[in-house]
């Protein structure tokens, strides 16, 4: 909800948060009459997929995740040498973000291009055609602001890390079968952010790709597809 070409209803920010997004996924499974599924997600999508597995583990045959959000890495995320990487999450809280970017194709293109160049490593899949398609989706009036609602709901990695730093109870483990594909050349979630992931996803399988950045589904689709196939095979699907 709220990302890309998805619906963006006029709802409070919490309707775009983690729990609400997980409910949307479950509603889609219900509409398609799918009892159990392997869920695939990366970054924000990983947080939603993990939440679905917490809320309805009987519906999840497995999780295939690319560079997932890891609450156990809170101390690393908030460290002085890394905190600056998450400046955009503070920016997204401001109405200034909407005023400067929403509905302005050149501004949308410049903003997204920055992240592709900075976070991506294999640049070929992130080229002009892909960026142009993304800009078309996010340059529609209201589309960029809708995508900010996830951050304004308090569901992004920064609020989660701050809550952990204040002594909030640790997230409960998710015990469904999980396969993680990690791009080690990601400056946002470097490979050190794997620390403690086994407390969130005990027994997960792990593939680390040294020459892949943040955009795992685009930069390493074959590796993510292999993770999905492995989970489907294990589930007997």
Protein backbone atom coordinates (compact mmCIF):
# COMPACT_ATOMS: atom_id res chain seq x y z
CA UNK A 1 0.00 0.00 0.00
CA UNK A 2 1.37 3.38 -1.02
CA UNK A 3 4.44 2.19 -2.92
CA UNK A 4 4.88 2.31 -6.69
CA UNK A 5 1.61 1.76 -8.49
CA UNK A 6 -0.19 0.37 -5.43
CA UNK A 7 -3.35 1.93 -4.06
CA UNK A 8 -2.80 4.98 -1.86
CA UNK A 9 -6.05 5.61 0.03
CA UNK A 10 -6.43 8.74 2.15
CA UNK A 11 -5.79 7.10 5.52
CA UNK A 12 -3.76 8.01 8.62
CA UNK A 13 -0.07 7.13 8.57
CA UNK A 14 -0.57 4.10 10.82
CA UNK A 15 -2.65 2.51 8.04
CA UNK A 16 0.62 2.39 6.07
CA UNK A 17 2.64 0.90 8.93
CA UNK A 18 4.03 -2.57 9.47
CA UNK A 19 0.95 -4.21 11.03
CA UNK A 20 -1.42 -2.69 8.49
CA UNK A 21 0.79 -3.69 5.55
CA UNK A 22 0.93 -7.25 6.90
CA UNK A 23 -2.88 -7.27 7.05
CA UNK A 24 -2.97 -6.15 3.40
CA UNK A 25 -0.75 -9.09 2.40
CA UNK A 26 -2.98 -11.53 4.28
CA UNK A 27 -6.06 -10.01 2.61
CA UNK A 28 -4.45 -10.56 -0.80
CA UNK A 29 -3.73 -14.21 0.07
CA UNK A 30 -7.37 -14.58 1.15
CA UNK A 31 -8.64 -12.98 -2.07
CA UNK A 32 -6.48 -15.31 -4.14
CA UNK A 33 -7.47 -18.31 -1.98
CA UNK A 34 -3.85 -19.08 -1.18
CA UNK A 35 -3.58 -20.94 2.12
CA UNK A 36 0.22 -20.92 2.44
CA UNK A 37 2.88 -19.06 0.51
CA UNK A 38 6.58 -18.34 0.39
CA UNK A 39 6.83 -14.60 0.95
CA UNK A 40 9.61 -12.63 -0.72
CA UNK A 41 10.72 -9.22 0.47
CA UNK A 42 13.70 -6.99 0.84
CA UNK A 43 14.33 -3.94 3.05
CA UNK A 44 10.81 -2.62 3.84
CA UNK A 45 9.26 -5.69 2.24
CA UNK A 46 11.29 -7.90 4.57
CA UNK A 47 9.82 -6.12 7.58
CA UNK A 48 6.30 -6.69 6.28
CA UNK A 49 6.97 -10.33 5.39
CA UNK A 50 8.40 -11.04 8.86
CA UNK A 51 5.35 -9.39 10.43
CA UNK A 52 3.04 -11.62 8.40
CA UNK A 53 4.97 -14.64 9.67
CA UNK A 54 4.53 -13.39 13.24
CA UNK A 55 0.82 -12.69 12.83
CA UNK A 56 -0.11 -15.80 10.85
CA UNK A 57 2.75 -18.36 10.81
CA UNK A 58 0.39 -21.05 9.51
CA UNK A 59 0.03 -19.02 6.28
CA UNK A 60 3.78 -18.75 5.61
CA UNK A 61 5.68 -21.67 4.08
CA UNK A 62 8.92 -19.69 4.10
CA UNK A 63 10.56 -16.28 3.90
CA UNK A 64 13.02 -15.34 1.14
CA UNK A 65 14.59 -12.05 2.18
CA UNK A 66 17.13 -9.69 0.66
CA UNK A 67 19.11 -7.51 3.08
CA UNK A 68 16.33 -7.66 5.66
CA UNK A 69 15.70 -5.11 8.39
CA UNK A 70 17.38 -6.48 11.52
CA UNK A 71 16.26 -5.04 14.88
CA UNK A 72 19.18 -6.79 16.55
CA UNK A 73 21.57 -4.45 14.69
CA UNK A 74 20.20 -1.36 16.49
CA UNK A 75 23.50 -0.40 18.09
CA UNK A 76 25.28 -0.50 14.73
CA UNK A 77 22.57 1.53 13.03
CA UNK A 78 22.75 4.27 15.65
CA UNK A 79 26.54 4.38 15.81
CA UNK A 80 28.01 7.84 15.04
CA UNK A 81 29.88 6.54 11.99
CA UNK A 82 26.72 5.08 10.43
CA UNK A 83 23.80 7.19 11.65
CA UNK A 84 24.24 9.67 8.78
CA UNK A 85 23.30 7.03 6.21
CA UNK A 86 19.73 7.21 7.50
CA UNK A 87 19.28 10.96 7.02
CA UNK A 88 16.45 10.35 4.53
CA UNK A 89 14.27 8.78 7.24
CA UNK A 90 14.35 12.06 9.18
CA UNK A 91 13.75 14.02 5.96
CA UNK A 92 10.69 11.91 5.18
CA UNK A 93 9.03 13.10 8.38
CA UNK A 94 8.98 16.68 7.11
CA UNK A 95 6.29 18.30 5.00
CA UNK A 96 9.26 19.85 3.21
CA UNK A 97 9.84 16.46 1.55
CA UNK A 98 6.39 16.66 -0.03
CA UNK A 99 6.79 20.31 -1.00
CA UNK A 100 10.12 19.74 -2.74
CA UNK A 101 9.50 16.43 -4.50
CA UNK A 102 5.86 15.36 -4.80
CA UNK A 103 4.48 15.72 -8.33
CA UNK A 104 7.78 17.06 -9.70
CA UNK A 105 9.26 14.54 -12.18
CA UNK A 106 12.74 16.13 -12.24
CA UNK A 107 12.90 16.17 -8.45
CA UNK A 108 11.65 12.58 -8.20
CA UNK A 109 14.26 11.49 -10.75
CA UNK A 110 17.11 13.29 -8.96
CA UNK A 111 16.08 11.89 -5.58
CA UNK A 112 15.76 8.28 -6.71
CA UNK A 113 18.92 8.47 -8.85
CA UNK A 114 20.90 9.44 -5.76
CA UNK A 115 19.93 6.25 -3.93
CA UNK A 116 20.48 3.99 -6.93
CA UNK A 117 23.98 5.34 -7.40
CA UNK A 118 24.88 5.36 -3.71
CA UNK A 119 23.29 2.11 -2.53
CA UNK A 120 23.59 0.01 -5.67
CA UNK A 121 26.73 -1.84 -6.73
CA UNK A 122 25.79 -3.68 -9.92
CA UNK A 123 24.60 -0.62 -11.81
CA UNK A 124 23.53 -2.25 -15.08
CA UNK A 125 20.11 -3.46 -13.79
CA UNK A 126 19.53 0.00 -12.29
CA UNK A 127 19.87 1.81 -15.61
CA UNK A 128 17.89 4.57 -17.35
CA UNK A 129 14.94 2.45 -18.46
CA UNK A 130 14.28 1.12 -14.98
CA UNK A 131 14.66 4.56 -13.43
CA UNK A 132 12.33 6.11 -16.01
CA UNK A 133 9.62 3.57 -15.20
CA UNK A 134 10.01 4.26 -11.50
CA UNK A 135 9.83 8.00 -12.04
CA UNK A 136 6.61 7.61 -14.02
CA UNK A 137 5.05 5.83 -11.05
CA UNK A 138 6.30 8.18 -8.35
CA UNK A 139 5.88 11.48 -10.22
CA UNK A 140 2.10 11.22 -10.17
CA UNK A 141 0.73 13.81 -7.73
CA UNK A 142 0.42 12.20 -4.31
CA UNK A 143 2.46 9.10 -5.14
CA UNK A 144 5.70 10.21 -3.51
CA UNK A 145 3.92 11.40 -0.36
CA UNK A 146 2.05 8.10 -0.07
CA UNK A 147 5.37 6.26 -0.04
CA UNK A 148 6.49 8.44 2.88
CA UNK A 149 3.64 7.17 5.05
CA UNK A 150 5.59 4.02 5.94
CA UNK A 151 8.25 6.21 7.52
CA UNK A 152 5.72 8.54 9.13
CA UNK A 153 3.99 5.53 10.70
CA UNK A 154 7.13 4.82 12.75
CA UNK A 155 7.71 1.45 11.07
CA UNK A 156 11.08 2.13 9.44
CA UNK A 157 14.41 0.89 10.75
CA UNK A 158 15.41 4.07 12.58
CA UNK A 159 12.47 4.22 15.05
CA UNK A 160 12.84 0.48 15.63
CA UNK A 161 16.52 0.95 16.46
CA UNK A 162 15.78 3.85 18.79
CA UNK A 163 13.16 1.77 20.60
CA UNK A 164 15.68 -1.04 21.03
CA UNK A 165 18.26 1.43 22.35
CA UNK A 166 15.74 2.61 24.96
CA UNK A 167 15.41 -0.93 26.25
CA UNK A 168 12.25 -2.05 24.47
CA UNK A 169 11.65 -5.81 24.67
CA UNK A 170 13.48 -7.63 21.87
CA UNK A 171 11.47 -8.75 18.88
CA UNK A 172 10.17 -12.28 19.13
CA UNK A 173 11.89 -14.83 16.89
CA UNK A 174 10.22 -15.99 13.70
CA UNK A 175 10.62 -19.72 13.31
CA UNK A 176 9.27 -20.32 9.80
CA UNK A 177 11.95 -21.51 7.32
CA UNK A 178 13.92 -18.51 6.07
CA UNK A 179 16.56 -17.87 3.42
CA UNK A 180 18.51 -14.60 3.43
CA UNK A 181 20.44 -13.19 0.46
CA UNK A 182 22.77 -10.39 1.55
CA UNK A 183 24.50 -7.90 -0.71
CA UNK A 184 27.76 -7.20 1.10
CA UNK A 185 28.49 -4.06 -0.95
CA UNK A 186 25.45 -2.29 0.54
CA UNK A 187 26.51 0.94 2.33
CA UNK A 188 23.12 1.23 4.08
CA UNK A 189 22.93 -2.30 5.53
CA UNK A 190 26.58 -3.46 5.48
CA UNK A 191 27.40 -7.08 6.17
CA UNK A 192 28.03 -6.24 9.83
CA UNK A 193 24.25 -5.78 10.12
CA UNK A 194 23.95 -9.56 10.00
CA UNK A 195 25.01 -9.59 13.66
CA UNK A 196 22.18 -10.97 15.75
CA UNK A 197 19.95 -11.85 12.80
CA UNK A 198 19.87 -15.44 14.04
CA UNK A 199 17.96 -14.19 17.09
CA UNK A 200 15.20 -12.90 14.80
CA UNK A 201 15.33 -15.68 12.19
CA UNK A 202 16.81 -18.72 13.97
CA UNK A 203 18.23 -21.30 11.61
CA UNK A 204 17.96 -19.14 8.50
CA UNK A 205 19.98 -20.05 5.44
CA UNK A 206 22.40 -17.35 4.33
CA UNK A 207 23.97 -16.40 1.00
CA UNK A 208 26.40 -13.45 1.01
CA UNK A 209 27.22 -11.86 -2.36
CA UNK A 210 30.30 -9.65 -2.21
CA UNK A 211 29.60 -7.71 -5.41
CA UNK A 212 25.93 -6.91 -4.75
CA UNK A 213 24.65 -3.74 -3.14
CA UNK A 214 21.35 -2.85 -1.51
CA UNK A 215 18.97 -3.65 -4.37
CA UNK A 216 19.15 -7.43 -4.11
CA UNK A 217 16.04 -8.27 -6.21
CA UNK A 218 17.40 -6.18 -9.10
CA UNK A 219 21.11 -6.84 -8.72
CA UNK A 220 20.92 -10.56 -7.93
CA UNK A 221 17.53 -11.90 -9.10
CA UNK A 222 18.91 -15.38 -9.77
CA UNK A 223 20.20 -15.75 -6.21
CA UNK A 224 16.88 -14.61 -4.75
CA UNK A 225 14.98 -16.93 -7.10
CA UNK A 226 17.19 -19.83 -5.97
CA UNK A 227 16.30 -19.04 -2.36
CA UNK A 228 12.60 -19.12 -3.26
CA UNK A 229 12.95 -22.43 -5.10
CA UNK A 230 14.77 -23.95 -2.13
CA UNK A 231 11.99 -22.94 0.24
CA UNK A 232 9.29 -24.23 -2.12
CA UNK A 233 11.09 -27.55 -2.39
CA UNK A 234 11.45 -27.82 1.38
CA UNK A 235 7.76 -27.06 1.81
CA UNK A 236 6.85 -29.74 -0.73
CA UNK A 237 5.15 -27.20 -2.98
